[in-house]
Amino acid sequence: MKTSISYPTEGAMGKTGTWRVFRPVVNAEKCIKCYRCWIFCPDCAIEIDDFPVIDYDYCKGCGICSNECPVKAISMEREGK
């Protein structure tokens, strides 16, 4: 499920996920499925499935999802690790 407000789209410079330095990683064992990450993602790059699923083609790695997670189930890891 995606928000009805907006959807990520490919811009003039391509998919925005290529700008990312850090990537959010969801720990399914810690996640309580509150979906605050989905609500606060400014790029609508998180989909709701069984757990939040991050669309790395559009995630810019801003870290808002990680900061908003009440149980710290999303960690930010450097790209390329």
PDB file of N, CA and C in Angstrom:
ATOM      1  N   MET A   1       0.845  -1.173   0.000  1.00  0.00           N
ATOM      2  CA  MET A   1       0.000   0.000   0.000  1.00  0.00           C
ATOM      3  C   MET A   1       0.890   1.237   0.000  1.00  0.00           C
ATOM      4  N   LYS A   2       0.586   2.187  -0.811  1.00  0.00           N
ATOM      5  CA  LYS A   2       1.298   3.461  -0.846  1.00  0.00           C
ATOM      6  C   LYS A   2       0.328   4.558  -0.433  1.00  0.00           C
ATOM      7  N   THR A   3       0.873   5.695  -0.068  1.00  0.00           N
ATOM      8  CA  THR A   3       0.011   6.799   0.330  1.00  0.00           C
ATOM      9  C   THR A   3      -0.766   7.318  -0.868  1.00  0.00           C
ATOM     10  N   SER A   4      -1.899   7.900  -0.604  1.00  0.00           N
ATOM     11  CA  SER A   4      -2.689   8.471  -1.689  1.00  0.00           C
ATOM     12  C   SER A   4      -2.245   9.890  -2.013  1.00  0.00           C
ATOM     13  N   ILE A   5      -1.331  10.412  -1.225  1.00  0.00           N
ATOM     14  CA  ILE A   5      -0.875  11.788  -1.411  1.00  0.00           C
ATOM     15  C   ILE A   5       0.076  11.899  -2.599  1.00  0.00           C
ATOM     16  N   SER A   6       1.075  11.036  -2.650  1.00  0.00           N
ATOM     17  CA  SER A   6       2.031  11.106  -3.739  1.00  0.00           C
ATOM     18  C   SER A   6       2.708   9.754  -3.907  1.00  0.00           C
ATOM     19  N   TYR A   7       3.344   9.592  -5.050  1.00  0.00           N
ATOM     20  CA  TYR A   7       4.090   8.392  -5.351  1.00  0.00           C
ATOM     21  C   TYR A   7       5.453   8.812  -5.852  1.00  0.00           C
ATOM     22  N   PRO A   8       6.475   8.028  -5.527  1.00  0.00           N
ATOM     23  CA  PRO A   8       7.786   8.395  -6.072  1.00  0.00           C
ATOM     24  C   PRO A   8       7.802   8.181  -7.576  1.00  0.00           C
ATOM     25  N   THR A   9       8.383   9.086  -8.253  1.00  0.00           N
ATOM     26  CA  THR A   9       8.508   8.972  -9.704  1.00  0.00           C
ATOM     27  C   THR A   9       9.931   9.305 -10.111  1.00  0.00           C
ATOM     28  N   GLU A  10      10.293   8.819 -11.249  1.00  0.00           N
ATOM     29  CA  GLU A  10      11.624   9.086 -11.750  1.00  0.00           C
ATOM     30  C   GLU A  10      11.703  10.523 -12.243  1.00  0.00           C
ATOM     31  N   GLY A  11      12.646  11.274 -11.710  1.00  0.00           N
ATOM     32  CA  GLY A  11      12.783  12.674 -12.070  1.00  0.00           C
ATOM     33  C   GLY A  11      13.723  12.855 -13.247  1.00  0.00           C
ATOM     34  N   ALA A  12      14.025  14.098 -13.545  1.00  0.00           N
ATOM     35  CA  ALA A  12      14.884  14.428 -14.681  1.00  0.00           C
ATOM     36  C   ALA A  12      16.280  13.847 -14.522  1.00  0.00           C
ATOM     37  N   MET A  13      16.727  13.670 -13.276  1.00  0.00           N
ATOM     38  CA  MET A  13      18.062  13.133 -13.010  1.00  0.00           C
ATOM     39  C   MET A  13      18.023  11.627 -12.728  1.00  0.00           C
ATOM     40  N   GLY A  14      16.908  10.981 -13.016  1.00  0.00           N
ATOM     41  CA  GLY A  14      16.806   9.543 -12.792  1.00  0.00           C
ATOM     42  C   GLY A  14      16.213   9.223 -11.438  1.00  0.00           C
ATOM     43  N   LYS A  15      16.396   7.995 -11.027  1.00  0.00           N
ATOM     44  CA  LYS A  15      15.870   7.568  -9.737  1.00  0.00           C
ATOM     45  C   LYS A  15      16.708   8.167  -8.631  1.00  0.00           C
ATOM     46  N   THR A  16      16.041   8.688  -7.608  1.00  0.00           N
ATOM     47  CA  THR A  16      16.721   9.445  -6.564  1.00  0.00           C
ATOM     48  C   THR A  16      17.503   8.569  -5.598  1.00  0.00           C
ATOM     49  N   GLY A  17      17.290   7.262  -5.628  1.00  0.00           N
ATOM     50  CA  GLY A  17      18.006   6.378  -4.720  1.00  0.00           C
ATOM     51  C   GLY A  17      19.500   6.336  -4.977  1.00  0.00           C
ATOM     52  N   THR A  18      19.936   6.805  -6.117  1.00  0.00           N
ATOM     53  CA  THR A  18      21.369   6.783  -6.420  1.00  0.00           C
ATOM     54  C   THR A  18      22.136   7.866  -5.673  1.00  0.00           C
ATOM     55  N   TRP A  19      21.444   8.796  -5.028  1.00  0.00           N
ATOM     56  CA  TRP A  19      22.096   9.883  -4.296  1.00  0.00           C
ATOM     57  C   TRP A  19      22.510   9.447  -2.896  1.00  0.00           C
ATOM     58  N   ARG A  20      21.980   8.364  -2.453  1.00  0.00           N
ATOM     59  CA  ARG A  20      22.053   7.951  -1.052  1.00  0.00           C
ATOM     60  C   ARG A  20      23.474   7.585  -0.618  1.00  0.00           C
ATOM     61  N   VAL A  21      23.828   8.015   0.606  1.00  0.00           N
ATOM     62  CA  VAL A  21      25.087   7.623   1.232  1.00  0.00           C
ATOM     63  C   VAL A  21      24.812   6.561   2.294  1.00  0.00           C
ATOM     64  N   PHE A  22      23.683   6.737   3.031  1.00  0.00           N
ATOM     65  CA  PHE A  22      23.276   5.763   4.038  1.00  0.00           C
ATOM     66  C   PHE A  22      21.943   5.156   3.622  1.00  0.00           C
ATOM     67  N   ARG A  23      21.774   3.884   3.907  1.00  0.00           N
ATOM     68  CA  ARG A  23      20.513   3.220   3.583  1.00  0.00           C
ATOM     69  C   ARG A  23      19.836   2.719   4.851  1.00  0.00           C
ATOM     70  N   PRO A  24      18.507   2.899   4.941  1.00  0.00           N
ATOM     71  CA  PRO A  24      17.786   2.373   6.096  1.00  0.00           C
ATOM     72  C   PRO A  24      17.591   0.863   5.960  1.00  0.00           C
ATOM     73  N   VAL A  25      17.774   0.171   7.058  1.00  0.00           N
ATOM     74  CA  VAL A  25      17.584  -1.280   7.087  1.00  0.00           C
ATOM     75  C   VAL A  25      16.609  -1.598   8.212  1.00  0.00           C
ATOM     76  N   VAL A  26      15.526  -2.281   7.877  1.00  0.00           N
ATOM     77  CA  VAL A  26      14.479  -2.601   8.855  1.00  0.00           C
ATOM     78  C   VAL A  26      14.787  -3.932   9.518  1.00  0.00           C
ATOM     79  N   ASN A  27      14.789  -3.924  10.848  1.00  0.00           N
ATOM     80  CA  ASN A  27      14.947  -5.151  11.617  1.00  0.00           C
ATOM     81  C   ASN A  27      13.538  -5.662  11.921  1.00  0.00           C
ATOM     82  N   ALA A  28      13.116  -6.711  11.220  1.00  0.00           N
ATOM     83  CA  ALA A  28      11.750  -7.223  11.357  1.00  0.00           C
ATOM     84  C   ALA A  28      11.466  -7.748  12.762  1.00  0.00           C
ATOM     85  N   GLU A  29      12.477  -8.177  13.469  1.00  0.00           N
ATOM     86  CA  GLU A  29      12.261  -8.695  14.824  1.00  0.00           C
ATOM     87  C   GLU A  29      11.910  -7.576  15.793  1.00  0.00           C
ATOM     88  N   LYS A  30      12.428  -6.384  15.563  1.00  0.00           N
ATOM     89  CA  LYS A  30      12.139  -5.252  16.447  1.00  0.00           C
ATOM     90  C   LYS A  30      10.891  -4.486  16.022  1.00  0.00           C
ATOM     91  N   CYS A  31      10.546  -4.536  14.750  1.00  0.00           N
ATOM     92  CA  CYS A  31       9.454  -3.721  14.212  1.00  0.00           C
ATOM     93  C   CYS A  31       8.117  -4.084  14.854  1.00  0.00           C
ATOM     94  N   ILE A  32       7.391  -3.067  15.303  1.00  0.00           N
ATOM     95  CA  ILE A  32       6.078  -3.286  15.920  1.00  0.00           C
ATOM     96  C   ILE A  32       4.947  -2.921  14.959  1.00  0.00           C
ATOM     97  N   LYS A  33       5.288  -2.675  13.700  1.00  0.00           N
ATOM     98  CA  LYS A  33       4.316  -2.380  12.638  1.00  0.00           C
ATOM     99  C   LYS A  33       3.436  -1.162  12.953  1.00  0.00           C
ATOM    100  N   CYS A  34       4.026  -0.148  13.517  1.00  0.00           N
ATOM    101  CA  CYS A  34       3.286   1.091  13.775  1.00  0.00           C
ATOM    102  C   CYS A  34       3.222   1.941  12.503  1.00  0.00           C
ATOM    103  N   TYR A  35       4.132   1.707  11.583  1.00  0.00           N
ATOM    104  CA  TYR A  35       4.212   2.377  10.278  1.00  0.00           C
ATOM    105  C   TYR A  35       4.430   3.885  10.380  1.00  0.00           C
ATOM    106  N   ARG A  36       5.042   4.306  11.471  1.00  0.00           N
ATOM    107  CA  ARG A  36       5.420   5.731  11.568  1.00  0.00           C
ATOM    108  C   ARG A  36       6.429   6.071  10.472  1.00  0.00           C
ATOM    109  N   CYS A  37       7.279   5.125  10.127  1.00  0.00           N
ATOM    110  CA  CYS A  37       8.265   5.348   9.063  1.00  0.00           C
ATOM    111  C   CYS A  37       7.546   5.650   7.749  1.00  0.00           C
ATOM    112  N   TRP A  38       6.509   4.929   7.463  1.00  0.00           N
ATOM    113  CA  TRP A  38       5.717   5.106   6.241  1.00  0.00           C
ATOM    114  C   TRP A  38       5.040   6.480   6.249  1.00  0.00           C
ATOM    115  N   ILE A  39       4.519   6.864   7.407  1.00  0.00           N
ATOM    116  CA  ILE A  39       3.830   8.147   7.527  1.00  0.00           C
ATOM    117  C   ILE A  39       4.791   9.311   7.302  1.00  0.00           C
ATOM    118  N   PHE A  40       5.989   9.203   7.861  1.00  0.00           N
ATOM    119  CA  PHE A  40       6.907  10.339   7.838  1.00  0.00           C
ATOM    120  C   PHE A  40       7.860  10.364   6.641  1.00  0.00           C
ATOM    121  N   CYS A  41       7.933   9.318   5.863  1.00  0.00           N
ATOM    122  CA  CYS A  41       8.861   9.304   4.731  1.00  0.00           C
ATOM    123  C   CYS A  41       8.493  10.421   3.744  1.00  0.00           C
ATOM    124  N   PRO A  42       9.402  11.388   3.541  1.00  0.00           N
ATOM    125  CA  PRO A  42       9.070  12.513   2.646  1.00  0.00           C
ATOM    126  C   PRO A  42       9.050  12.127   1.172  1.00  0.00           C
ATOM    127  N   ASP A  43       9.617  10.974   0.830  1.00  0.00           N
ATOM    128  CA  ASP A  43       9.676  10.558  -0.567  1.00  0.00           C
ATOM    129  C   ASP A  43       8.698   9.442  -0.902  1.00  0.00           C
ATOM    130  N   CYS A  44       7.870   9.057   0.068  1.00  0.00           N
ATOM    131  CA  CYS A  44       6.911   7.942  -0.130  1.00  0.00           C
ATOM    132  C   CYS A  44       7.635   6.706  -0.650  1.00  0.00           C
ATOM    133  N   ALA A  45       8.833   6.479  -0.124  1.00  0.00           N
ATOM    134  CA  ALA A  45       9.651   5.366  -0.590  1.00  0.00           C
ATOM    135  C   ALA A  45       9.484   4.124   0.278  1.00  0.00           C
ATOM    136  N   ILE A  46       8.467   4.120   1.145  1.00  0.00           N
ATOM    137  CA  ILE A  46       8.213   2.966   2.001  1.00  0.00           C
ATOM    138  C   ILE A  46       6.824   2.441   1.687  1.00  0.00           C
ATOM    139  N   GLU A  47       6.774   1.149   1.434  1.00  0.00           N
ATOM    140  CA  GLU A  47       5.497   0.492   1.197  1.00  0.00           C
ATOM    141  C   GLU A  47       5.148  -0.377   2.391  1.00  0.00           C
ATOM    142  N   ILE A  48       3.870  -0.588   2.580  1.00  0.00           N
ATOM    143  CA  ILE A  48       3.421  -1.450   3.661  1.00  0.00           C
ATOM    144  C   ILE A  48       3.126  -2.820   3.084  1.00  0.00           C
ATOM    145  N   ASP A  49       3.835  -3.779   3.602  1.00  0.00           N
ATOM    146  CA  ASP A  49       3.553  -5.174   3.292  1.00  0.00           C
ATOM    147  C   ASP A  49       3.341  -5.821   4.649  1.00  0.00           C
ATOM    148  N   ASP A  50       3.901  -6.948   4.897  1.00  0.00           N
ATOM    149  CA  ASP A  50       3.866  -7.496   6.247  1.00  0.00           C
ATOM    150  C   ASP A  50       4.641  -6.577   7.190  1.00  0.00           C
ATOM    151  N   PHE A  51       5.757  -6.055   6.692  1.00  0.00           N
ATOM    152  CA  PHE A  51       6.585  -5.093   7.398  1.00  0.00           C
ATOM    153  C   PHE A  51       6.849  -3.946   6.439  1.00  0.00           C
ATOM    154  N   PRO A  52       7.343  -2.850   6.932  1.00  0.00           N
ATOM    155  CA  PRO A  52       7.700  -1.765   6.004  1.00  0.00           C
ATOM    156  C   PRO A  52       8.758  -2.246   5.007  1.00  0.00           C
ATOM    157  N   VAL A  53       8.528  -1.950   3.751  1.00  0.00           N
ATOM    158  CA  VAL A  53       9.469  -2.321   2.693  1.00  0.00           C
ATOM    159  C   VAL A  53       9.964  -1.035   2.049  1.00  0.00           C
ATOM    160  N   ILE A  54      11.262  -0.864   2.052  1.00  0.00           N
ATOM    161  CA  ILE A  54      11.855   0.371   1.537  1.00  0.00           C
ATOM    162  C   ILE A  54      12.189   0.203   0.065  1.00  0.00           C
ATOM    163  N   ASP A  55      11.740   1.158  -0.739  1.00  0.00           N
ATOM    164  CA  ASP A  55      12.033   1.152  -2.168  1.00  0.00           C
ATOM    165  C   ASP A  55      13.352   1.905  -2.356  1.00  0.00           C
ATOM    166  N   TYR A  56      14.430   1.137  -2.474  1.00  0.00           N
ATOM    167  CA  TYR A  56      15.753   1.747  -2.554  1.00  0.00           C
ATOM    168  C   TYR A  56      15.988   2.486  -3.874  1.00  0.00           C
ATOM    169  N   ASP A  57      15.129   2.305  -4.843  1.00  0.00           N
ATOM    170  CA  ASP A  57      15.255   3.086  -6.076  1.00  0.00           C
ATOM    171  C   ASP A  57      14.946   4.562  -5.827  1.00  0.00           C
ATOM    172  N   TYR A  58      14.151   4.834  -4.789  1.00  0.00           N
ATOM    173  CA  TYR A  58      13.735   6.213  -4.533  1.00  0.00           C
ATOM    174  C   TYR A  58      14.132   6.743  -3.163  1.00  0.00           C
ATOM    175  N   CYS A  59      14.526   5.886  -2.240  1.00  0.00           N
ATOM    176  CA  CYS A  59      14.948   6.327  -0.906  1.00  0.00           C
ATOM    177  C   CYS A  59      16.246   7.118  -1.035  1.00  0.00           C
ATOM    178  N   LYS A  60      16.251   8.327  -0.463  1.00  0.00           N
ATOM    179  CA  LYS A  60      17.441   9.173  -0.517  1.00  0.00           C
ATOM    180  C   LYS A  60      18.324   8.991   0.713  1.00  0.00           C
ATOM    181  N   GLY A  61      17.868   8.187   1.661  1.00  0.00           N
ATOM    182  CA  GLY A  61      18.659   7.929   2.861  1.00  0.00           C
ATOM    183  C   GLY A  61      18.673   9.073   3.836  1.00  0.00           C
ATOM    184  N   CYS A  62      17.579   9.809   3.920  1.00  0.00           N
ATOM    185  CA  CYS A  62      17.519  10.976   4.811  1.00  0.00           C
ATOM    186  C   CYS A  62      17.517  10.578   6.290  1.00  0.00           C
ATOM    187  N   GLY A  63      17.032   9.387   6.605  1.00  0.00           N
ATOM    188  CA  GLY A  63      17.056   8.914   7.986  1.00  0.00           C
ATOM    189  C   GLY A  63      15.856   9.305   8.820  1.00  0.00           C
ATOM    190  N   ILE A  64      14.895   9.979   8.237  1.00  0.00           N
ATOM    191  CA  ILE A  64      13.704  10.372   9.002  1.00  0.00           C
ATOM    192  C   ILE A  64      12.982   9.137   9.520  1.00  0.00           C
ATOM    193  N   CYS A  65      12.891   8.099   8.698  1.00  0.00           N
ATOM    194  CA  CYS A  65      12.226   6.863   9.139  1.00  0.00           C
ATOM    195  C   CYS A  65      12.921   6.297  10.367  1.00  0.00           C
ATOM    196  N   SER A  66      14.217   6.296  10.376  1.00  0.00           N
ATOM    197  CA  SER A  66      14.980   5.776  11.509  1.00  0.00           C
ATOM    198  C   SER A  66      14.773   6.634  12.749  1.00  0.00           C
ATOM    199  N   ASN A  67      14.741   7.946  12.569  1.00  0.00           N
ATOM    200  CA  ASN A  67      14.539   8.843  13.704  1.00  0.00           C
ATOM    201  C   ASN A  67      13.132   8.742  14.278  1.00  0.00           C
ATOM    202  N   GLU A  68      12.154   8.482  13.449  1.00  0.00           N
ATOM    203  CA  GLU A  68      10.764   8.417  13.919  1.00  0.00           C
ATOM    204  C   GLU A  68      10.386   7.061  14.498  1.00  0.00           C
ATOM    205  N   CYS A  69      11.135   6.030  14.223  1.00  0.00           N
ATOM    206  CA  CYS A  69      10.801   4.689  14.714  1.00  0.00           C
ATOM    207  C   CYS A  69      10.896   4.657  16.243  1.00  0.00           C
ATOM    208  N   PRO A  70       9.782   4.344  16.930  1.00  0.00           N
ATOM    209  CA  PRO A  70       9.787   4.392  18.396  1.00  0.00           C
ATOM    210  C   PRO A  70      10.588   3.267  19.050  1.00  0.00           C
ATOM    211  N   VAL A  71      10.842   2.186  18.322  1.00  0.00           N
ATOM    212  CA  VAL A  71      11.596   1.071  18.917  1.00  0.00           C
ATOM    213  C   VAL A  71      12.974   0.890  18.264  1.00  0.00           C
ATOM    214  N   LYS A  72      13.358   1.858  17.449  1.00  0.00           N
ATOM    215  CA  LYS A  72      14.669   1.851  16.780  1.00  0.00           C
ATOM    216  C   LYS A  72      14.891   0.560  15.970  1.00  0.00           C
ATOM    217  N   ALA A  73      13.857   0.189  15.218  1.00  0.00           N
ATOM    218  CA  ALA A  73      13.943  -1.001  14.378  1.00  0.00           C
ATOM    219  C   ALA A  73      14.581  -0.704  13.026  1.00  0.00           C
ATOM    220  N   ILE A  74      14.831   0.563  12.740  1.00  0.00           N
ATOM    221  CA  ILE A  74      15.453   0.931  11.462  1.00  0.00           C
ATOM    222  C   ILE A  74      16.812   1.537  11.751  1.00  0.00           C
ATOM    223  N   SER A  75      17.827   0.915  11.206  1.00  0.00           N
ATOM    224  CA  SER A  75      19.180   1.444  11.375  1.00  0.00           C
ATOM    225  C   SER A  75      19.652   2.010  10.045  1.00  0.00           C
ATOM    226  N   MET A  76      20.537   2.957  10.105  1.00  0.00           N
ATOM    227  CA  MET A  76      21.100   3.569   8.908  1.00  0.00           C
ATOM    228  C   MET A  76      22.502   2.998   8.714  1.00  0.00           C
ATOM    229  N   GLU A  77      22.712   2.362   7.580  1.00  0.00           N
ATOM    230  CA  GLU A  77      23.998   1.742   7.294  1.00  0.00           C
ATOM    231  C   GLU A  77      24.598   2.360   6.045  1.00  0.00           C
ATOM    232  N   ARG A  78      25.901   2.540   6.075  1.00  0.00           N
ATOM    233  CA  ARG A  78      26.590   3.154   4.938  1.00  0.00           C
ATOM    234  C   ARG A  78      26.439   2.280   3.692  1.00  0.00           C
ATOM    235  N   GLU A  79      26.208   2.910   2.563  1.00  0.00           N
ATOM    236  CA  GLU A  79      26.090   2.184   1.304  1.00  0.00           C
ATOM    237  C   GLU A  79      27.398   1.461   1.000  1.00  0.00           C
ATOM    238  N   GLY A  80      27.282   0.326   0.383  1.00  0.00           N
ATOM    239  CA  GLY A  80      28.456  -0.413  -0.028  1.00  0.00           C
ATOM    240  C   GLY A  80      28.960  -1.407   0.989  1.00  0.00           C
ATOM    241  N   LYS A  81      28.351  -1.433   2.176  1.00  0.00           N
ATOM    242  CA  LYS A  81      28.781  -2.412   3.185  1.00  0.00           C
ATOM    243  C   LYS A  81      28.119  -3.725   2.944  1.00  0.00           C
TER     244      LYS A  81
END
